[in-house]
Amino acid sequence: MAEEKAGFVIDDRIDITDVVCPVTFVKAKVALEELDDGQILSIHMNDGEPVQNVPRSVKEDGHKILKLIDNEDGTYDLIVKKVEEE
């Protein structure tokens, strides 16, 4: 059920536009934990706190940020590659 976005094959996607920090990162973290190493997740989120905090937290967890897409409607899609914890 993979789809392509911004040149990346997306293995899974989540929409966190209906929650606020810190639940935004918690939902993103849970979604990443369900993926296999190397799979790609698209996180749909609102501008503001989520776009400031979620990418930083995902990177601090060791995952790779591939792209942050401005949808020009007040939302962003963060494309993240899961990196297995060592």
N, C-alpha and C. Protein backbone atom coordinates (compact mmCIF):
# COMPACT_ATOMS: atom_id res chain seq x y z
N MET A 1 0.83 -1.19 0.00
CA MET A 1 0.00 0.00 0.00
C MET A 1 0.87 1.26 0.00
N ALA A 2 2.08 1.12 -0.51
CA ALA A 2 2.99 2.26 -0.55
C ALA A 2 2.55 3.25 -1.62
N GLU A 3 2.80 4.52 -1.38
CA GLU A 3 2.51 5.56 -2.35
C GLU A 3 3.76 6.41 -2.50
N GLU A 4 3.78 7.25 -3.52
CA GLU A 4 4.95 8.10 -3.73
C GLU A 4 4.59 9.56 -3.44
N LYS A 5 5.51 10.24 -2.75
CA LYS A 5 5.33 11.66 -2.46
C LYS A 5 6.70 12.30 -2.47
N ALA A 6 6.83 13.38 -3.22
CA ALA A 6 8.08 14.15 -3.30
C ALA A 6 9.27 13.26 -3.68
N GLY A 7 9.00 12.23 -4.51
CA GLY A 7 10.08 11.36 -4.97
C GLY A 7 10.43 10.24 -4.01
N PHE A 8 9.70 10.12 -2.91
CA PHE A 8 9.95 9.05 -1.94
C PHE A 8 8.78 8.07 -1.94
N VAL A 9 9.08 6.79 -1.76
CA VAL A 9 8.03 5.80 -1.62
C VAL A 9 7.64 5.76 -0.15
N ILE A 10 6.39 6.14 0.13
CA ILE A 10 5.89 6.23 1.50
C ILE A 10 5.29 4.89 1.92
N ASP A 11 5.80 4.32 3.01
CA ASP A 11 5.30 3.04 3.49
C ASP A 11 4.08 3.20 4.40
N ASP A 12 4.01 4.32 5.11
CA ASP A 12 2.87 4.57 5.99
C ASP A 12 2.73 6.07 6.17
N ARG A 13 1.53 6.50 6.59
CA ARG A 13 1.30 7.93 6.83
C ARG A 13 0.41 8.08 8.05
N ILE A 14 0.63 9.18 8.78
CA ILE A 14 -0.24 9.52 9.89
C ILE A 14 -0.61 10.99 9.78
N ASP A 15 -1.77 11.31 10.34
CA ASP A 15 -2.27 12.68 10.35
C ASP A 15 -2.36 13.10 11.82
N ILE A 16 -1.54 14.08 12.21
CA ILE A 16 -1.56 14.54 13.61
C ILE A 16 -2.08 15.98 13.70
N THR A 17 -2.87 16.38 12.71
CA THR A 17 -3.41 17.74 12.71
C THR A 17 -4.49 17.94 13.77
N ASP A 18 -5.01 16.85 14.32
CA ASP A 18 -6.10 16.95 15.29
C ASP A 18 -5.62 16.89 16.74
N VAL A 19 -4.30 16.86 16.97
CA VAL A 19 -3.76 16.79 18.34
C VAL A 19 -2.74 17.90 18.56
N VAL A 20 -2.42 18.18 19.82
CA VAL A 20 -1.45 19.23 20.15
C VAL A 20 -0.23 18.63 20.84
N CYS A 21 0.85 19.39 20.87
CA CYS A 21 2.08 18.96 21.54
C CYS A 21 1.79 18.72 23.02
N PRO A 22 2.36 17.71 23.66
CA PRO A 22 3.36 16.77 23.14
C PRO A 22 2.77 15.53 22.49
N VAL A 23 1.44 15.43 22.39
CA VAL A 23 0.81 14.25 21.79
C VAL A 23 1.23 14.09 20.33
N THR A 24 1.54 15.20 19.65
CA THR A 24 1.95 15.12 18.25
C THR A 24 3.18 14.22 18.11
N PHE A 25 4.18 14.43 18.95
CA PHE A 25 5.39 13.61 18.84
C PHE A 25 5.13 12.18 19.31
N VAL A 26 4.30 12.01 20.32
CA VAL A 26 3.99 10.66 20.81
C VAL A 26 3.37 9.83 19.69
N LYS A 27 2.42 10.41 18.96
CA LYS A 27 1.79 9.69 17.84
C LYS A 27 2.81 9.38 16.75
N ALA A 28 3.68 10.33 16.45
CA ALA A 28 4.71 10.12 15.44
C ALA A 28 5.66 9.01 15.87
N LYS A 29 6.06 9.02 17.13
CA LYS A 29 6.99 8.01 17.65
C LYS A 29 6.38 6.61 17.58
N VAL A 30 5.11 6.48 17.97
CA VAL A 30 4.42 5.18 17.92
C VAL A 30 4.35 4.69 16.47
N ALA A 31 4.02 5.57 15.54
CA ALA A 31 3.94 5.18 14.14
C ALA A 31 5.30 4.71 13.62
N LEU A 32 6.37 5.39 14.01
CA LEU A 32 7.71 4.99 13.59
C LEU A 32 8.10 3.64 14.19
N GLU A 33 7.70 3.40 15.44
CA GLU A 33 8.02 2.12 16.09
C GLU A 33 7.38 0.95 15.37
N GLU A 34 6.25 1.17 14.70
CA GLU A 34 5.54 0.10 14.01
C GLU A 34 6.15 -0.22 12.64
N LEU A 35 7.05 0.63 12.16
CA LEU A 35 7.69 0.41 10.87
C LEU A 35 8.95 -0.44 11.01
N ASP A 36 9.36 -1.04 9.91
CA ASP A 36 10.62 -1.75 9.87
C ASP A 36 11.74 -0.76 9.55
N ASP A 37 12.96 -1.12 9.92
CA ASP A 37 14.13 -0.29 9.64
C ASP A 37 14.19 0.02 8.15
N GLY A 38 14.37 1.31 7.82
CA GLY A 38 14.49 1.72 6.44
C GLY A 38 13.18 2.13 5.79
N GLN A 39 12.05 1.86 6.44
CA GLN A 39 10.77 2.26 5.87
C GLN A 39 10.56 3.76 6.07
N ILE A 40 9.65 4.32 5.28
CA ILE A 40 9.44 5.76 5.27
C ILE A 40 8.02 6.11 5.71
N LEU A 41 7.94 7.09 6.61
CA LEU A 41 6.68 7.56 7.17
C LEU A 41 6.44 9.00 6.76
N SER A 42 5.21 9.31 6.37
CA SER A 42 4.80 10.68 6.09
C SER A 42 3.93 11.14 7.26
N ILE A 43 4.33 12.24 7.89
CA ILE A 43 3.60 12.79 9.04
C ILE A 43 2.94 14.10 8.61
N HIS A 44 1.62 14.11 8.58
CA HIS A 44 0.85 15.30 8.19
C HIS A 44 0.56 16.09 9.46
N MET A 45 1.02 17.35 9.52
CA MET A 45 0.89 18.13 10.75
C MET A 45 0.62 19.59 10.46
N ASN A 46 0.16 20.29 11.49
CA ASN A 46 -0.11 21.72 11.39
C ASN A 46 1.17 22.53 11.49
N ASP A 47 1.10 23.77 11.00
CA ASP A 47 2.17 24.74 11.18
C ASP A 47 2.23 25.11 12.67
N GLY A 48 3.29 25.76 13.09
CA GLY A 48 3.42 26.19 14.48
C GLY A 48 4.23 25.20 15.29
N GLU A 49 3.77 24.93 16.51
CA GLU A 49 4.50 24.04 17.42
C GLU A 49 4.84 22.69 16.81
N PRO A 50 3.88 22.00 16.17
CA PRO A 50 4.23 20.68 15.61
C PRO A 50 5.38 20.75 14.61
N VAL A 51 5.37 21.73 13.72
CA VAL A 51 6.42 21.80 12.70
C VAL A 51 7.76 22.21 13.31
N GLN A 52 7.73 22.84 14.46
CA GLN A 52 8.97 23.20 15.15
C GLN A 52 9.49 22.03 15.98
N ASN A 53 8.59 21.31 16.66
CA ASN A 53 9.00 20.30 17.63
C ASN A 53 9.12 18.88 17.09
N VAL A 54 8.19 18.47 16.23
CA VAL A 54 8.21 17.07 15.77
C VAL A 54 9.48 16.74 14.99
N PRO A 55 9.89 17.55 14.00
CA PRO A 55 11.13 17.20 13.29
C PRO A 55 12.34 17.11 14.23
N ARG A 56 12.45 18.03 15.16
CA ARG A 56 13.58 18.01 16.10
C ARG A 56 13.56 16.74 16.94
N SER A 57 12.39 16.38 17.45
CA SER A 57 12.27 15.20 18.31
C SER A 57 12.54 13.91 17.53
N VAL A 58 12.05 13.85 16.29
CA VAL A 58 12.28 12.67 15.44
C VAL A 58 13.78 12.52 15.19
N LYS A 59 14.45 13.63 14.90
CA LYS A 59 15.90 13.59 14.65
C LYS A 59 16.66 13.19 15.91
N GLU A 60 16.24 13.72 17.07
CA GLU A 60 16.89 13.37 18.33
C GLU A 60 16.74 11.88 18.63
N ASP A 61 15.66 11.26 18.13
CA ASP A 61 15.45 9.82 18.30
C ASP A 61 16.31 9.00 17.33
N GLY A 62 17.04 9.69 16.44
CA GLY A 62 17.97 9.00 15.55
C GLY A 62 17.44 8.70 14.16
N HIS A 63 16.21 9.13 13.87
CA HIS A 63 15.65 8.88 12.54
C HIS A 63 16.11 9.96 11.57
N LYS A 64 15.97 9.68 10.28
CA LYS A 64 16.46 10.60 9.25
C LYS A 64 15.31 11.39 8.63
N ILE A 65 15.41 12.71 8.70
CA ILE A 65 14.45 13.60 8.06
C ILE A 65 14.81 13.66 6.58
N LEU A 66 13.90 13.26 5.71
CA LEU A 66 14.17 13.29 4.28
C LEU A 66 13.68 14.59 3.65
N LYS A 67 12.53 15.08 4.10
CA LYS A 67 11.99 16.30 3.50
C LYS A 67 10.86 16.84 4.36
N LEU A 68 10.74 18.16 4.39
CA LEU A 68 9.62 18.85 5.02
C LEU A 68 8.91 19.62 3.92
N ILE A 69 7.66 19.25 3.65
CA ILE A 69 6.92 19.82 2.54
C ILE A 69 5.86 20.79 3.07
N ASP A 70 5.92 22.03 2.60
CA ASP A 70 4.91 23.04 2.94
C ASP A 70 3.75 22.87 1.97
N ASN A 71 2.59 22.47 2.48
CA ASN A 71 1.42 22.25 1.63
C ASN A 71 0.72 23.56 1.28
N GLU A 72 1.21 24.67 1.84
CA GLU A 72 0.67 26.01 1.59
C GLU A 72 -0.79 26.15 1.98
N ASP A 73 -1.23 25.34 2.95
CA ASP A 73 -2.59 25.45 3.48
C ASP A 73 -2.57 25.45 5.01
N GLY A 74 -1.40 25.77 5.57
CA GLY A 74 -1.25 25.74 7.03
C GLY A 74 -0.84 24.38 7.56
N THR A 75 -0.57 23.43 6.65
CA THR A 75 -0.11 22.11 7.07
C THR A 75 1.21 21.78 6.36
N TYR A 76 1.90 20.81 6.93
CA TYR A 76 3.16 20.32 6.37
C TYR A 76 3.13 18.80 6.36
N ASP A 77 3.92 18.21 5.48
CA ASP A 77 4.17 16.77 5.48
C ASP A 77 5.65 16.57 5.75
N LEU A 78 5.94 15.86 6.81
CA LEU A 78 7.32 15.54 7.18
C LEU A 78 7.59 14.11 6.72
N ILE A 79 8.59 13.94 5.87
CA ILE A 79 8.95 12.62 5.35
C ILE A 79 10.16 12.13 6.15
N VAL A 80 9.97 10.99 6.84
CA VAL A 80 10.98 10.48 7.77
C VAL A 80 11.33 9.03 7.43
N LYS A 81 12.62 8.72 7.44
CA LYS A 81 13.08 7.35 7.26
C LYS A 81 13.43 6.77 8.62
N LYS A 82 12.85 5.60 8.92
CA LYS A 82 13.13 4.98 10.21
C LYS A 82 14.55 4.41 10.21
N VAL A 83 15.29 4.75 11.27
CA VAL A 83 16.63 4.22 11.46
C VAL A 83 16.58 3.36 12.71
N GLU A 84 16.99 2.13 12.59
CA GLU A 84 16.93 1.18 13.72
C GLU A 84 17.82 1.65 14.85
N GLU A 85 17.29 1.53 16.06
CA GLU A 85 18.09 1.89 17.23
C GLU A 85 19.21 0.89 17.42
N GLU A 86 20.35 1.39 17.82
CA GLU A 86 21.51 0.52 18.03
C GLU A 86 21.55 -0.03 19.41
